[in-house]
């Protein structure tokens, strides 16, 4: 399994490379965004580990560029910036997961295993999901409500898909973070609430009925009322 590490700190690179190679991964390294972009375009990696603050092209911008040409490769972002806004920015750029420095190596391994497991052996079926006047096309990643196309980021679409697959059932914040992000968020973060509020505005503003409803102390329920 081939992993690309885009990181400009030599000590961090050495730590990651040595540890991952001991676990059987093949590692390529880029020390700046330009080199990372060239390698990502040239090789078929199973995972990309991407630092946010790197020379020439930022990690956020590099993530966006990679996503334009490769929608499926898992991207794990590393950063010392751990606020909710920083995480939202990374997810909006197309990152699949976010790990804040400093971190335990076993936590990194767990994230890598979750991301690579999710990206392999997946069978795609042509299908749509619909609730009330809202419909999503799972193949084309489109959301349409009452004939109007709704622009969603990758994470917003994943969140909406999860809600629609669980329509009529109360889902907790822990459920959402595990199923949509494949991780357990720290209890101190409000990333899930931020994304739910963003999604609410996009799929409910200007329409007659509300679809996402809060159940205080329990989570959210997706249904027409």
Protein backbone atom coordinates (compact mmCIF):
# COMPACT_ATOMS: atom_id res chain seq x y z
CA UNK A 1 0.00 0.00 0.00
CA UNK A 2 1.54 3.28 -1.14
CA UNK A 3 1.30 6.47 0.93
CA UNK A 4 2.42 9.97 -0.04
CA UNK A 5 3.55 12.23 2.81
CA UNK A 6 3.62 15.97 2.06
CA UNK A 7 5.42 17.55 5.01
CA UNK A 8 8.27 20.06 5.29
CA UNK A 9 9.51 19.21 8.80
CA UNK A 10 12.35 16.64 8.45
CA UNK A 11 11.88 15.24 11.97
CA UNK A 12 8.16 14.67 11.39
CA UNK A 13 8.89 13.07 8.02
CA UNK A 14 11.49 10.74 9.52
CA UNK A 15 9.12 9.77 12.35
CA UNK A 16 6.23 9.03 9.98
CA UNK A 17 8.30 7.29 7.32
CA UNK A 18 10.09 4.97 9.74
CA UNK A 19 6.95 4.07 11.66
CA UNK A 20 4.79 3.44 8.58
CA UNK A 21 7.44 1.42 6.77
CA UNK A 22 7.71 -0.80 9.84
CA UNK A 23 4.01 -1.54 9.37
CA UNK A 24 4.48 -2.53 5.74
CA UNK A 25 3.56 0.69 3.93
CA UNK A 26 5.55 2.03 0.97
CA UNK A 27 6.29 5.72 1.55
CA UNK A 28 6.96 8.58 -0.85
CA UNK A 29 7.82 12.03 0.49
CA UNK A 30 7.37 15.58 -0.81
CA UNK A 31 8.75 18.49 1.18
CA UNK A 32 6.63 21.22 -0.44
CA UNK A 33 3.28 21.68 -2.16
CA UNK A 34 4.63 21.80 -5.70
CA UNK A 35 6.50 18.52 -5.34
CA UNK A 36 3.45 17.03 -3.66
CA UNK A 37 1.22 18.06 -6.55
CA UNK A 38 3.59 16.50 -9.11
CA UNK A 39 3.86 13.22 -7.21
CA UNK A 40 0.10 13.02 -6.60
CA UNK A 41 -0.55 13.46 -10.33
CA UNK A 42 2.12 10.97 -11.38
CA UNK A 43 1.61 8.08 -8.95
CA UNK A 44 -1.44 6.07 -7.88
CA UNK A 45 -1.36 6.40 -4.09
CA UNK A 46 -3.67 4.60 -1.68
CA UNK A 47 -3.53 7.50 0.80
CA UNK A 48 -2.10 11.02 1.01
CA UNK A 49 -0.96 12.50 4.34
CA UNK A 50 -0.90 16.25 3.88
CA UNK A 51 0.37 18.94 6.25
CA UNK A 52 -1.55 22.21 6.15
CA UNK A 53 1.40 24.60 6.40
CA UNK A 54 3.93 23.72 3.65
CA UNK A 55 6.00 25.86 1.23
CA UNK A 56 4.92 27.09 -2.21
CA UNK A 57 1.37 25.70 -2.20
CA UNK A 58 -0.55 25.46 1.06
CA UNK A 59 -1.95 22.13 2.16
CA UNK A 60 -5.50 23.41 1.80
CA UNK A 61 -4.92 24.55 -1.78
CA UNK A 62 -3.06 21.36 -2.65
CA UNK A 63 -5.95 19.32 -1.28
CA UNK A 64 -8.35 21.23 -3.56
CA UNK A 65 -6.13 20.63 -6.59
CA UNK A 66 -5.78 16.93 -5.89
CA UNK A 67 -9.54 16.60 -5.48
CA UNK A 68 -10.18 18.11 -8.91
CA UNK A 69 -8.32 15.28 -10.61
CA UNK A 70 -8.79 12.49 -8.06
CA UNK A 71 -12.05 12.26 -6.12
CA UNK A 72 -11.38 8.91 -4.50
CA UNK A 73 -7.90 8.96 -2.91
CA UNK A 74 -8.21 9.34 0.88
CA UNK A 75 -6.56 12.52 2.20
CA UNK A 76 -5.55 12.84 5.85
CA UNK A 77 -4.55 16.35 6.90
CA UNK A 78 -2.00 17.01 9.65
CA UNK A 79 -1.88 20.38 11.36
CA UNK A 80 -1.12 22.24 14.54
CA UNK A 81 -4.28 24.26 13.89
CA UNK A 82 -7.09 22.47 15.67
CA UNK A 83 -10.01 24.92 15.81
CA UNK A 84 -13.41 24.09 14.37
CA UNK A 85 -12.96 26.65 11.58
CA UNK A 86 -9.64 25.06 10.60
CA UNK A 87 -11.25 21.62 10.42
CA UNK A 88 -14.19 22.88 8.39
CA UNK A 89 -11.79 24.56 5.96
CA UNK A 90 -9.88 21.32 5.52
CA UNK A 91 -13.00 19.21 5.03
CA UNK A 92 -14.41 21.74 2.55
CA UNK A 93 -11.18 21.46 0.54
CA UNK A 94 -11.83 17.73 0.22
CA UNK A 95 -9.96 16.18 3.16
CA UNK A 96 -11.38 12.95 4.54
CA UNK A 97 -9.91 13.22 8.02
CA UNK A 98 -7.99 15.64 10.22
CA UNK A 99 -5.31 14.85 12.80
CA UNK A 100 -4.01 17.60 15.10
CA UNK A 101 -0.34 17.70 16.12
CA UNK A 102 1.01 16.37 18.39
CA UNK A 103 -0.60 12.95 18.03
CA UNK A 104 0.07 9.37 19.06
CA UNK A 105 1.38 7.14 16.28
CA UNK A 106 -1.23 4.49 17.10
CA UNK A 107 -3.93 7.12 16.48
CA UNK A 108 -2.42 7.83 13.06
CA UNK A 109 -2.43 4.12 12.25
CA UNK A 110 -6.08 3.82 13.28
CA UNK A 111 -7.05 6.72 11.01
CA UNK A 112 -5.08 5.28 8.09
CA UNK A 113 -6.71 1.86 8.48
CA UNK A 114 -10.19 3.40 8.62
CA UNK A 115 -9.61 5.55 5.54
CA UNK A 116 -8.02 2.85 3.40
CA UNK A 117 -10.62 0.27 4.43
CA UNK A 118 -13.39 2.61 3.38
CA UNK A 119 -11.80 3.35 0.02
CA UNK A 120 -11.22 -0.28 -1.07
CA UNK A 121 -13.68 -2.89 -2.21
CA UNK A 122 -16.53 -0.42 -2.59
CA UNK A 123 -19.26 -1.32 -5.05
CA UNK A 124 -21.16 1.62 -6.52
CA UNK A 125 -24.78 1.25 -7.56
CA UNK A 126 -26.74 3.72 -9.64
CA UNK A 127 -29.38 5.05 -7.30
CA UNK A 128 -31.14 8.04 -5.87
CA UNK A 129 -32.60 8.87 -2.48
CA UNK A 130 -35.62 11.12 -2.04
CA UNK A 131 -37.51 12.61 0.87
CA UNK A 132 -40.41 15.01 0.29
CA UNK A 133 -39.31 17.26 -2.61
CA UNK A 134 -35.57 16.66 -2.01
CA UNK A 135 -33.66 14.14 -4.10
CA UNK A 136 -29.98 13.21 -4.23
CA UNK A 137 -28.21 11.38 -7.04
CA UNK A 138 -25.60 9.14 -5.42
CA UNK A 139 -23.65 8.59 -8.64
CA UNK A 140 -23.40 12.20 -9.78
CA UNK A 141 -23.31 13.60 -6.21
CA UNK A 142 -26.13 16.02 -6.93
CA UNK A 143 -28.82 17.38 -4.62
CA UNK A 144 -32.03 18.82 -6.06
CA UNK A 145 -34.98 20.24 -4.14
CA UNK A 146 -38.19 21.19 -5.89
CA UNK A 147 -36.31 21.26 -9.19
CA UNK A 148 -33.56 23.54 -7.86
CA UNK A 149 -29.96 22.27 -7.78
CA UNK A 150 -28.26 22.76 -4.40
CA UNK A 151 -24.49 23.25 -4.34
CA UNK A 152 -22.89 21.09 -1.65
CA UNK A 153 -19.31 20.31 -0.67
CA UNK A 154 -18.24 16.67 -0.45
CA UNK A 155 -18.72 16.57 3.33
CA UNK A 156 -22.08 18.34 3.17
CA UNK A 157 -23.26 15.79 0.60
CA UNK A 158 -22.04 12.90 2.78
CA UNK A 159 -23.87 14.35 5.76
CA UNK A 160 -27.07 14.78 3.75
CA UNK A 161 -26.79 11.23 2.40
CA UNK A 162 -26.40 9.90 5.95
CA UNK A 163 -29.46 11.85 7.11
CA UNK A 164 -31.54 10.60 4.20
CA UNK A 165 -30.50 6.98 4.68
CA UNK A 166 -31.58 7.32 8.32
CA UNK A 167 -34.73 9.37 7.75
CA UNK A 168 -37.21 9.17 10.61
CA UNK A 169 -34.58 7.99 13.09
CA UNK A 170 -32.87 10.12 15.74
CA UNK A 171 -29.09 10.12 15.15
CA UNK A 172 -26.65 11.38 17.75
CA UNK A 173 -23.64 13.61 17.13
CA UNK A 174 -21.42 10.61 17.88
CA UNK A 175 -23.27 8.58 15.23
CA UNK A 176 -22.75 11.33 12.68
CA UNK A 177 -19.06 11.85 13.41
CA UNK A 178 -18.39 8.12 13.21
CA UNK A 179 -20.36 7.43 10.04
CA UNK A 180 -19.68 10.61 8.07
CA UNK A 181 -16.08 11.25 9.14
CA UNK A 182 -15.09 7.73 10.27
CA UNK A 183 -13.71 9.17 13.50
CA UNK A 184 -14.81 10.03 17.00
CA UNK A 185 -14.55 13.78 17.42
CA UNK A 186 -13.37 15.24 20.69
CA UNK A 187 -16.29 16.20 22.88
CA UNK A 188 -15.02 19.78 22.88
CA UNK A 189 -15.51 20.26 19.14
CA UNK A 190 -18.70 21.47 17.45
CA UNK A 191 -17.81 20.45 13.90
CA UNK A 192 -20.97 18.34 13.56
CA UNK A 193 -23.22 21.19 14.68
CA UNK A 194 -21.46 23.61 12.34
CA UNK A 195 -22.00 21.31 9.37
CA UNK A 196 -25.62 20.60 10.27
CA UNK A 197 -26.32 24.35 10.42
CA UNK A 198 -24.62 24.92 7.05
CA UNK A 199 -26.59 22.07 5.50
CA UNK A 200 -29.85 23.36 6.99
CA UNK A 201 -29.38 26.75 5.35
CA UNK A 202 -28.66 25.19 1.97
CA UNK A 203 -31.53 22.69 1.82
CA UNK A 204 -34.19 24.62 3.79
CA UNK A 205 -33.79 28.35 3.09
CA UNK A 206 -36.47 29.46 0.65
CA UNK A 207 -38.41 26.20 0.86
CA UNK A 208 -41.74 25.67 2.59
CA UNK A 209 -40.89 22.77 4.92
CA UNK A 210 -38.04 22.03 7.31
CA UNK A 211 -36.28 18.67 7.09
CA UNK A 212 -33.56 18.64 9.77
CA UNK A 213 -34.91 18.84 13.31
CA UNK A 214 -33.00 19.01 16.60
CA UNK A 215 -33.86 16.63 19.42
CA UNK A 216 -32.44 18.32 22.50
CA UNK A 217 -30.04 16.07 24.37
CA UNK A 218 -30.30 13.35 21.73
CA UNK A 219 -29.21 14.62 18.32
CA UNK A 220 -31.06 15.19 15.05
CA UNK A 221 -33.88 13.66 13.04
CA UNK A 222 -34.42 14.04 9.29
CA UNK A 223 -38.08 14.09 8.27
CA UNK A 224 -40.73 16.32 6.74
CA UNK A 225 -43.02 17.93 9.31
